[in-house]
Amino acid sequence: MEKMDENGIERNPDGTFIKGWEGGPGRPIDTPEKKIEKKVIKQIVEEYKQGLAESLPSISPVLQAKALDGDVPAIKEIHDRVMGKAPQSVDINARVAVSSLSEEDKAMIDKLIHAEQETIG
């Protein structure tokens, strides 16, 4: 039993294409202009990296001197470079204050919760 997705493409219940459907056009091929643009950007980044690497010997003593004088941002910068930055965590289970929702939103959430509970059992 096939069903249509939002793009009007018929799919099997598991989401795969129906038999005989060729699928989409695939990833577009880069135009010659896009290839040149990517190459130029890559070259600019490499030149920037090389410039940084060349200036590092003169920057490093200045940064070290500032850190030794007690400059907290300089200390932090050296620490982050030597020890690596601390991993950042993100709470994806954010809570929304129900009091800030409209009555219409609360009713919709209630309907969704009850529908989900009925589906589960």
C-alpha atoms as a PDB file:
ATOM      1  CA  MET A   1       0.000   0.000   0.000  1.00  0.00           C
ATOM      2  CA  GLU A   2       1.746   3.150  -1.214  1.00  0.00           C
ATOM      3  CA  LYS A   3       1.339   6.631   0.157  1.00  0.00           C
ATOM      4  CA  MET A   4       2.254  10.062  -1.155  1.00  0.00           C
ATOM      5  CA  ASP A   5       4.791  12.204   0.671  1.00  0.00           C
ATOM      6  CA  GLU A   6       4.686  16.018   0.841  1.00  0.00           C
ATOM      7  CA  ASN A   7       6.455  16.256  -2.539  1.00  0.00           C
ATOM      8  CA  GLY A   8       3.913  14.060  -4.299  1.00  0.00           C
ATOM      9  CA  ILE A   9       6.282  11.075  -4.510  1.00  0.00           C
ATOM     10  CA  GLU A  10       4.798   7.654  -3.921  1.00  0.00           C
ATOM     11  CA  ARG A  11       6.596   5.662  -1.238  1.00  0.00           C
ATOM     12  CA  ASN A  12       6.265   2.356   0.565  1.00  0.00           C
ATOM     13  CA  PRO A  13       4.978   2.406   4.165  1.00  0.00           C
ATOM     14  CA  ASP A  14       8.590   2.191   5.404  1.00  0.00           C
ATOM     15  CA  GLY A  15       9.508   5.351   3.458  1.00  0.00           C
ATOM     16  CA  THR A  16      11.446   3.676   0.628  1.00  0.00           C
ATOM     17  CA  PHE A  17      10.625   4.383  -3.007  1.00  0.00           C
ATOM     18  CA  ILE A  18       8.045   2.144  -4.643  1.00  0.00           C
ATOM     19  CA  LYS A  19       9.246  -0.412  -7.169  1.00  0.00           C
ATOM     20  CA  GLY A  20       9.961   1.224 -10.513  1.00  0.00           C
ATOM     21  CA  TRP A  21      10.520   4.701  -9.104  1.00  0.00           C
ATOM     22  CA  GLU A  22      13.935   6.011 -10.117  1.00  0.00           C
ATOM     23  CA  GLY A  23      14.254   8.391  -7.207  1.00  0.00           C
ATOM     24  CA  GLY A  24      15.577  11.905  -7.374  1.00  0.00           C
ATOM     25  CA  PRO A  25      18.206  13.467  -9.592  1.00  0.00           C
ATOM     26  CA  GLY A  26      20.906  13.053  -6.958  1.00  0.00           C
ATOM     27  CA  ARG A  27      23.517  15.571  -5.973  1.00  0.00           C
ATOM     28  CA  PRO A  28      23.941  18.283  -8.584  1.00  0.00           C
ATOM     29  CA  ILE A  29      27.306  18.393 -10.341  1.00  0.00           C
ATOM     30  CA  ASP A  30      29.384  21.473  -9.545  1.00  0.00           C
ATOM     31  CA  THR A  31      29.514  24.023 -12.313  1.00  0.00           C
ATOM     32  CA  PRO A  32      32.968  25.083 -13.578  1.00  0.00           C
ATOM     33  CA  GLU A  33      32.494  28.401 -11.748  1.00  0.00           C
ATOM     34  CA  LYS A  34      31.681  26.601  -8.476  1.00  0.00           C
ATOM     35  CA  LYS A  35      34.782  24.396  -8.845  1.00  0.00           C
ATOM     36  CA  ILE A  36      36.969  27.483  -9.351  1.00  0.00           C
ATOM     37  CA  GLU A  37      35.323  29.202  -6.375  1.00  0.00           C
ATOM     38  CA  LYS A  38      36.004  26.201  -4.114  1.00  0.00           C
ATOM     39  CA  LYS A  39      39.623  26.017  -5.296  1.00  0.00           C
ATOM     40  CA  VAL A  40      40.193  29.749  -4.662  1.00  0.00           C
ATOM     41  CA  ILE A  41      38.623  29.558  -1.184  1.00  0.00           C
ATOM     42  CA  LYS A  42      40.793  26.562  -0.330  1.00  0.00           C
ATOM     43  CA  GLN A  43      43.893  28.445  -1.531  1.00  0.00           C
ATOM     44  CA  ILE A  44      42.981  31.544   0.522  1.00  0.00           C
ATOM     45  CA  VAL A  45      42.518  29.430   3.652  1.00  0.00           C
ATOM     46  CA  GLU A  46      45.873  27.707   3.086  1.00  0.00           C
ATOM     47  CA  GLU A  47      47.628  31.074   2.658  1.00  0.00           C
ATOM     48  CA  TYR A  48      45.960  32.334   5.852  1.00  0.00           C
ATOM     49  CA  LYS A  49      47.098  29.236   7.765  1.00  0.00           C
ATOM     50  CA  GLN A  50      50.629  29.660   6.447  1.00  0.00           C
ATOM     51  CA  GLY A  51      50.653  33.323   7.531  1.00  0.00           C
ATOM     52  CA  LEU A  52      49.519  32.347  11.005  1.00  0.00           C
ATOM     53  CA  ALA A  53      52.180  29.647  11.242  1.00  0.00           C
ATOM     54  CA  GLU A  54      54.872  32.137  10.191  1.00  0.00           C
ATOM     55  CA  SER A  55      53.762  34.740  12.768  1.00  0.00           C
ATOM     56  CA  LEU A  56      53.423  32.231  15.624  1.00  0.00           C
ATOM     57  CA  PRO A  57      57.085  32.454  16.759  1.00  0.00           C
ATOM     58  CA  SER A  58      56.737  36.209  17.299  1.00  0.00           C
ATOM     59  CA  ILE A  59      53.254  35.984  18.859  1.00  0.00           C
ATOM     60  CA  SER A  60      54.039  33.149  21.243  1.00  0.00           C
ATOM     61  CA  PRO A  61      56.565  35.016  23.453  1.00  0.00           C
ATOM     62  CA  VAL A  62      54.215  37.998  23.742  1.00  0.00           C
ATOM     63  CA  LEU A  63      51.317  35.761  24.765  1.00  0.00           C
ATOM     64  CA  GLN A  64      53.534  33.906  27.241  1.00  0.00           C
ATOM     65  CA  ALA A  65      54.756  37.185  28.757  1.00  0.00           C
ATOM     66  CA  LYS A  66      51.190  38.436  29.173  1.00  0.00           C
ATOM     67  CA  ALA A  67      50.183  35.151  30.821  1.00  0.00           C
ATOM     68  CA  LEU A  68      53.147  35.330  33.203  1.00  0.00           C
ATOM     69  CA  ASP A  69      52.137  38.918  34.102  1.00  0.00           C
ATOM     70  CA  GLY A  70      48.704  37.588  35.156  1.00  0.00           C
ATOM     71  CA  ASP A  71      46.638  38.448  32.073  1.00  0.00           C
ATOM     72  CA  VAL A  72      43.697  36.047  32.543  1.00  0.00           C
ATOM     73  CA  PRO A  73      42.591  35.936  28.861  1.00  0.00           C
ATOM     74  CA  ALA A  74      46.186  35.099  27.859  1.00  0.00           C
ATOM     75  CA  ILE A  75      46.334  32.352  30.503  1.00  0.00           C
ATOM     76  CA  LYS A  76      43.011  30.996  29.283  1.00  0.00           C
ATOM     77  CA  GLU A  77      44.169  31.065  25.657  1.00  0.00           C
ATOM     78  CA  ILE A  78      47.352  29.124  26.430  1.00  0.00           C
ATOM     79  CA  HIS A  79      45.430  26.670  28.609  1.00  0.00           C
ATOM     80  CA  ASP A  80      42.843  26.065  25.874  1.00  0.00           C
ATOM     81  CA  ARG A  81      45.583  25.493  23.290  1.00  0.00           C
ATOM     82  CA  VAL A  82      47.608  23.131  25.466  1.00  0.00           C
ATOM     83  CA  MET A  83      44.844  21.233  27.268  1.00  0.00           C
ATOM     84  CA  GLY A  84      42.082  21.574  24.683  1.00  0.00           C
ATOM     85  CA  LYS A  85      38.826  23.376  25.221  1.00  0.00           C
ATOM     86  CA  ALA A  86      36.415  21.931  27.744  1.00  0.00           C
ATOM     87  CA  PRO A  87      33.603  19.960  26.097  1.00  0.00           C
ATOM     88  CA  GLN A  88      30.373  21.896  25.882  1.00  0.00           C
ATOM     89  CA  SER A  89      27.089  20.193  26.657  1.00  0.00           C
ATOM     90  CA  VAL A  90      23.703  21.247  25.404  1.00  0.00           C
ATOM     91  CA  ASP A  91      20.451  20.296  27.104  1.00  0.00           C
ATOM     92  CA  ILE A  92      18.136  19.297  24.290  1.00  0.00           C
ATOM     93  CA  ASN A  93      15.349  18.473  26.723  1.00  0.00           C
ATOM     94  CA  ALA A  94      14.428  22.096  27.329  1.00  0.00           C
ATOM     95  CA  ARG A  95      11.400  22.748  29.466  1.00  0.00           C
ATOM     96  CA  VAL A  96       8.793  25.316  28.491  1.00  0.00           C
ATOM     97  CA  ALA A  97       6.926  27.121  31.219  1.00  0.00           C
ATOM     98  CA  VAL A  98       3.321  26.088  30.754  1.00  0.00           C
ATOM     99  CA  SER A  99       2.157  29.381  32.218  1.00  0.00           C
ATOM    100  CA  SER A 100       3.626  31.230  29.230  1.00  0.00           C
ATOM    101  CA  LEU A 101       1.553  29.204  26.749  1.00  0.00           C
ATOM    102  CA  SER A 102      -1.808  30.323  25.434  1.00  0.00           C
ATOM    103  CA  GLU A 103      -4.923  28.319  26.276  1.00  0.00           C
ATOM    104  CA  GLU A 104      -5.043  27.203  22.624  1.00  0.00           C
ATOM    105  CA  ASP A 105      -1.450  25.891  22.828  1.00  0.00           C
ATOM    106  CA  LYS A 106      -2.188  24.101  26.107  1.00  0.00           C
ATOM    107  CA  ALA A 107      -5.234  22.419  24.551  1.00  0.00           C
ATOM    108  CA  MET A 108      -3.195  21.285  21.534  1.00  0.00           C
ATOM    109  CA  ILE A 109      -0.462  19.866  23.789  1.00  0.00           C
ATOM    110  CA  ASP A 110      -3.106  18.002  25.808  1.00  0.00           C
ATOM    111  CA  LYS A 111      -4.558  16.510  22.618  1.00  0.00           C
ATOM    112  CA  LEU A 112      -1.109  15.420  21.436  1.00  0.00           C
ATOM    113  CA  ILE A 113      -0.290  13.829  24.789  1.00  0.00           C
ATOM    114  CA  HIS A 114      -3.596  11.936  24.901  1.00  0.00           C
ATOM    115  CA  ALA A 115      -3.221  10.798  21.287  1.00  0.00           C
ATOM    116  CA  GLU A 116       0.296   9.536  22.027  1.00  0.00           C
ATOM    117  CA  GLN A 117      -0.888   7.713  25.157  1.00  0.00           C
ATOM    118  CA  GLU A 118      -3.684   6.021  23.192  1.00  0.00           C
ATOM    119  CA  THR A 119      -1.179   4.940  20.533  1.00  0.00           C
ATOM    120  CA  ILE A 120       1.155   3.459  23.142  1.00  0.00           C
ATOM    121  CA  GLY A 121      -1.541   1.489  24.856  1.00  0.00           C
END
